[in-house]
Amino acid sequence: MIDGLAIVTGAAAGTGLAIARRLAAGVVVNVSSSAGNESTPYVSPEYGSAKAGLIRFTTALGDLEGVRVNCIVPNWILTERARARDRDRAACRRAPGARALTGRH
């Protein structure tokens, strides 16, 4: 299980340290996920809500003097792990007697 609180508090702590230790103007770049931008059901609600919190945390810091704060929000990325998950889901759907009540596997 993903610790959504750690995602947001980790970013907040890291950003706070960067701001406190800056010697000149700087940039903070947080990395969120499209899971935090959607309004549809998500397989991992704690992850989606944490990423939404990270986006909001970043926008709330937008007016810091001398520090530019940005949040990158990539969409879904096809990695080897994602390919393997998709192969497993496809195999599950093809299995005799297989059915999914929610449409999720």
Foldseek 3Di string as FASTA:
>chain_A
DDQLVCLQVVLVVVVVVCVVPDPAAEEAEAEAECLCVDDDDDPDVSNNVSSVSNQVVQVVCCPDPRYHGYYHYDYDDDDPVNVVVVVVVVVQVPDPPHDDPVPDD
